[in-house]
Protein backbone atom coordinates (compact mmCIF):
# COMPACT_ATOMS: atom_id res chain seq x y z
CA MET A 1 -67.35 3.67 -70.99
CA LYS A 2 -67.64 6.61 -69.66
CA GLN A 3 -68.04 9.82 -71.17
CA ASP A 4 -64.93 11.23 -69.79
CA GLN A 5 -62.73 8.05 -70.38
CA LEU A 6 -63.96 8.22 -73.51
CA VAL A 7 -62.97 11.87 -74.54
CA ASN A 8 -59.65 11.02 -72.93
CA LYS A 9 -59.06 8.40 -74.93
CA THR A 10 -59.60 10.79 -78.21
CA ILE A 11 -57.60 12.95 -76.84
CA ALA A 12 -54.64 10.74 -75.89
CA PHE A 13 -55.52 10.15 -79.78
CA VAL A 14 -55.17 12.85 -81.34
CA LYS A 15 -51.80 13.70 -79.77
CA GLN A 16 -50.47 10.68 -81.66
CA GLU A 17 -52.15 11.10 -84.77
CA LEU A 18 -50.84 15.09 -84.95
CA LYS A 19 -47.33 14.30 -83.23
CA ASN A 20 -45.94 15.91 -86.56
CA ALA A 21 -48.47 18.50 -87.74
CA GLU A 22 -47.29 21.33 -88.85
CA GLY A 23 -47.25 24.18 -86.45
CA GLY A 24 -50.33 26.14 -87.43
CA HIS A 25 -52.31 22.37 -87.48
CA ASP A 26 -51.17 20.89 -84.58
CA TRP A 27 -51.97 19.31 -81.07
CA PHE A 28 -52.52 22.63 -79.88
CA HIS A 29 -54.83 24.39 -82.35
CA ILE A 30 -57.33 20.98 -81.47
CA GLU A 31 -56.62 21.88 -77.88
CA ARG A 32 -57.84 25.38 -78.33
CA VAL A 33 -60.52 24.39 -80.32
CA TYR A 34 -61.78 21.52 -77.80
CA ASN A 35 -61.40 24.23 -75.15
CA THR A 36 -63.42 27.45 -76.68
CA SER A 37 -65.94 24.55 -78.05
CA LYS A 38 -66.65 23.73 -74.57
CA LEU A 39 -66.30 28.13 -73.62
CA LEU A 40 -69.66 28.63 -75.67
CA LEU A 41 -70.95 25.43 -74.95
CA LYS A 42 -71.34 27.90 -71.59
CA HIS A 43 -73.72 30.12 -73.67
CA GLU A 44 -75.03 27.86 -76.37
CA LYS A 45 -77.23 25.05 -76.62
CA GLY A 46 -75.60 21.75 -77.32
CA ASP A 47 -74.75 17.69 -77.36
CA SER A 48 -71.71 18.23 -75.12
CA LEU A 49 -69.87 14.62 -76.15
CA VAL A 50 -70.33 15.42 -80.14
CA VAL A 51 -69.15 18.74 -79.60
CA GLN A 52 -65.68 17.08 -77.87
CA LEU A 53 -65.46 15.02 -79.88
CA ALA A 54 -66.03 17.16 -83.08
CA ALA A 55 -63.37 19.53 -81.67
CA LEU A 56 -61.04 16.97 -80.96
CA LEU A 57 -61.15 15.20 -84.73
CA HIS A 58 -62.39 18.06 -86.65
CA ASP A 59 -57.96 17.90 -87.90
CA ILE A 60 -57.44 14.89 -87.50
CA ALA A 61 -56.17 15.02 -91.24
CA ASP A 62 -55.70 18.39 -92.50
CA PRO A 63 -56.75 17.78 -96.22
CA LYS A 64 -54.14 20.68 -97.17
CA PHE A 65 -51.65 18.21 -95.94
CA HIS A 66 -52.83 15.61 -97.81
CA ASN A 67 -53.05 15.92 -100.74
CA GLY A 68 -56.70 18.04 -101.45
CA ASP A 69 -58.31 14.86 -100.01
CA GLU A 70 -61.15 15.50 -97.79
CA THR A 71 -62.36 11.79 -97.35
CA ILE A 72 -59.04 10.87 -95.21
CA GLY A 73 -59.89 12.75 -92.16
CA PRO A 74 -64.04 11.93 -91.82
CA THR A 75 -62.70 7.94 -92.25
CA ILE A 76 -59.88 8.06 -89.66
CA ALA A 77 -62.61 9.59 -87.37
CA ARG A 78 -65.54 7.37 -87.82
CA LYS A 79 -62.75 3.99 -87.56
CA PHE A 80 -61.57 5.27 -84.27
CA LEU A 81 -65.10 6.07 -82.97
CA GLU A 82 -66.52 2.30 -83.71
CA THR A 83 -64.13 1.24 -82.08
CA GLU A 84 -65.21 2.26 -79.22
CA SER A 85 -68.97 2.54 -77.53
CA ILE A 86 -70.70 4.59 -79.49
CA ASP A 87 -74.34 4.82 -81.18
CA GLN A 88 -74.16 5.12 -84.65
CA LYS A 89 -75.94 8.17 -84.40
CA THR A 90 -73.54 10.36 -82.90
CA ILE A 91 -70.71 8.89 -85.02
CA ASP A 92 -72.64 9.90 -88.08
CA HIS A 93 -73.13 13.26 -86.72
CA VAL A 94 -68.85 13.73 -85.34
CA VAL A 95 -68.64 12.89 -88.95
CA ASN A 96 -70.57 14.70 -90.13
CA ILE A 97 -69.38 18.51 -88.92
CA ILE A 98 -66.12 16.88 -89.70
CA LYS A 99 -67.03 16.62 -93.54
CA HIS A 100 -69.14 20.21 -93.04
CA MET A 101 -67.13 22.71 -91.11
CA SER A 102 -64.27 23.77 -93.38
CA PHE A 103 -64.21 27.74 -94.65
CA LYS A 104 -63.78 25.72 -98.28
CA ASN A 105 -66.80 24.44 -98.12
CA SER A 106 -68.40 28.34 -98.00
CA LEU A 107 -67.45 28.72 -100.95
CA GLU A 108 -69.13 26.32 -103.36
CA PRO A 109 -72.32 27.46 -104.87
CA ASP A 110 -74.43 25.32 -102.31
CA GLY A 111 -72.80 26.28 -99.84
CA THR A 112 -73.30 23.29 -96.17
CA LYS A 113 -75.62 20.64 -96.89
CA PHE A 114 -75.93 19.38 -93.01
CA THR A 115 -76.12 22.24 -90.25
CA SER A 116 -76.58 21.45 -86.64
CA GLN A 117 -76.04 23.48 -83.41
CA GLU A 118 -73.32 20.79 -82.73
CA LEU A 119 -71.56 21.68 -86.08
CA THR A 120 -71.74 25.93 -85.83
CA ILE A 121 -70.61 25.69 -81.63
CA VAL A 122 -66.81 23.72 -83.38
CA GLN A 123 -67.41 25.58 -86.48
CA ASP A 124 -67.17 28.86 -85.14
CA ALA A 125 -64.64 27.82 -81.89
CA ASP A 126 -62.19 26.77 -85.05
CA ARG A 127 -62.75 29.98 -87.00
CA LEU A 128 -61.77 31.37 -83.54
CA ASP A 129 -58.76 30.48 -83.88
CA ALA A 130 -58.36 31.70 -87.28
CA ILE A 131 -58.35 34.86 -86.14
CA GLY A 132 -56.87 37.52 -84.51
CA ALA A 133 -53.33 37.43 -82.34
CA ILE A 134 -53.40 33.26 -82.62
CA GLY A 135 -54.94 33.47 -86.43
CA ILE A 136 -52.00 35.84 -87.40
CA ALA A 137 -49.78 33.73 -86.05
CA ARG A 138 -51.09 30.40 -87.88
CA ALA A 139 -51.22 32.06 -90.96
CA PHE A 140 -47.62 33.09 -91.26
CA ASN A 141 -46.51 29.39 -89.97
CA TYR A 142 -47.94 28.33 -92.68
CA GLY A 143 -47.26 30.66 -95.40
CA GLY A 144 -43.42 29.49 -94.03
CA TYR A 145 -44.55 25.91 -94.25
CA LYS A 146 -45.19 26.43 -98.07
CA ASN A 147 -42.41 29.03 -99.10
CA ARG A 148 -44.65 31.56 -99.48
CA GLU A 149 -44.35 35.08 -99.76
CA LEU A 150 -45.11 37.38 -96.88
CA TYR A 151 -46.34 40.37 -98.94
CA ASN A 152 -46.28 41.22 -102.68
CA PRO A 153 -47.86 44.68 -103.60
CA THR A 154 -48.41 43.06 -107.57
CA VAL A 155 -50.58 40.34 -106.51
CA PRO A 156 -54.28 41.15 -105.18
CA PRO A 157 -56.25 39.36 -103.22
CA ASN A 158 -58.50 37.28 -105.07
CA LEU A 159 -61.80 37.72 -103.79
CA LYS A 160 -64.33 35.99 -105.68
CA MET A 161 -62.36 32.58 -105.35
CA THR A 162 -63.73 29.14 -105.91
CA LYS A 163 -63.60 26.38 -103.69
CA GLU A 164 -60.93 24.81 -105.81
CA GLU A 165 -58.80 28.36 -106.84
CA TYR A 166 -58.51 28.46 -103.04
CA LYS A 167 -57.11 24.55 -102.70
CA LYS A 168 -55.01 25.73 -105.04
CA SER A 169 -54.21 29.10 -104.41
CA THR A 170 -50.66 29.82 -103.27
CA ALA A 171 -51.21 33.96 -103.14
CA PRO A 172 -48.84 35.81 -100.30
CA THR A 173 -49.99 35.47 -96.65
CA ILE A 174 -50.93 38.47 -96.22
CA ASN A 175 -53.80 37.50 -99.42
CA HIS A 176 -55.05 35.28 -96.55
CA PHE A 177 -56.01 38.15 -94.32
CA TYR A 178 -58.90 39.52 -97.78
CA GLU A 179 -59.63 35.96 -98.77
CA LYS A 180 -60.66 34.34 -95.62
CA LEU A 181 -59.53 35.65 -91.99
CA LEU A 182 -61.18 39.66 -92.53
CA LEU A 183 -64.28 37.47 -94.04
CA LEU A 184 -64.96 34.95 -90.30
CA LYS A 185 -66.18 37.97 -88.02
CA ASP A 186 -69.61 37.42 -90.12
CA LYS A 187 -69.36 34.10 -91.12
CA MET A 188 -69.77 33.12 -87.06
CA ASN A 189 -73.09 31.09 -86.15
CA THR A 190 -73.65 32.31 -82.74
CA LYS A 191 -74.29 34.66 -80.82
CA THR A 192 -71.10 34.17 -78.67
CA GLY A 193 -68.77 33.54 -81.38
CA LYS A 194 -69.77 36.33 -82.86
CA LYS A 195 -69.23 38.83 -78.92
CA LEU A 196 -65.70 37.03 -79.07
CA ALA A 197 -65.12 37.19 -82.76
CA GLU A 198 -65.79 41.44 -82.79
CA GLU A 199 -62.17 41.47 -80.54
CA ARG A 200 -60.21 39.70 -82.39
CA HIS A 201 -61.54 40.79 -85.84
CA LEU A 202 -59.87 44.43 -84.87
CA PHE A 203 -56.66 43.06 -83.78
CA MET A 204 -56.17 42.17 -87.37
CA LEU A 205 -57.28 45.11 -88.84
CA GLN A 206 -54.69 47.18 -86.37
CA TYR A 207 -52.29 44.49 -87.75
CA LEU A 208 -52.60 45.05 -90.91
CA ASP A 209 -52.68 49.04 -90.43
CA ARG A 210 -48.87 48.73 -89.22
CA PHE A 211 -47.82 46.14 -91.19
CA TYR A 212 -48.16 48.53 -93.88
CA LYS A 213 -46.48 51.04 -93.02
CA GLU A 214 -43.88 49.48 -91.46
CA TRP A 215 -43.59 47.77 -95.75
CA ASN A 216 -43.75 51.48 -96.76
CA GLY A 217 -41.12 52.94 -94.24
CA LYS A 218 -44.24 54.89 -93.36
CA GLU A 219 -44.04 55.40 -89.13
């Protein structure tokens, strides 16, 4: 099967799997990460097929929506890929990217145990979608989905969370900026990712400044 045909078949599969997904982790999130991954590929070296497949399949079963189970996504991705004419090395690479790209894995003492140029590209694309205007929208969309407070001045951000604490957190959405979103700029891997993150990071800082002014009645 030609690469374009395989990619199109994967797109159709992901669209079907995520047709009822939460708005911040739906097909449109996948599409943005996919498009940004291809943009990064224009400036960073990497295997195009691995990057495209990993970007398309990276959130096929986000653990947040499966009781924290981190095995479901990689399993679904592997089963799908094994039905296609793809070599085992490529399948293993894509599945390893899916297993290791999440932010919460960076909270573990030993960090990620797998790395590749393709992982850095897809991870940067995913992290770019978590910051800036889209990132803000996604954060509050998920907060609403989980019925969380927008902000609570009596609940300070936890800046030293473990992976398990992060997974179980029910903190107000504003806390998520300090616990994850504002940290992502300095966690970008690629030169291009770092550059793109700068403006989005600045926009979040401006947003927070405005948020607190309005919250406290100070125009």
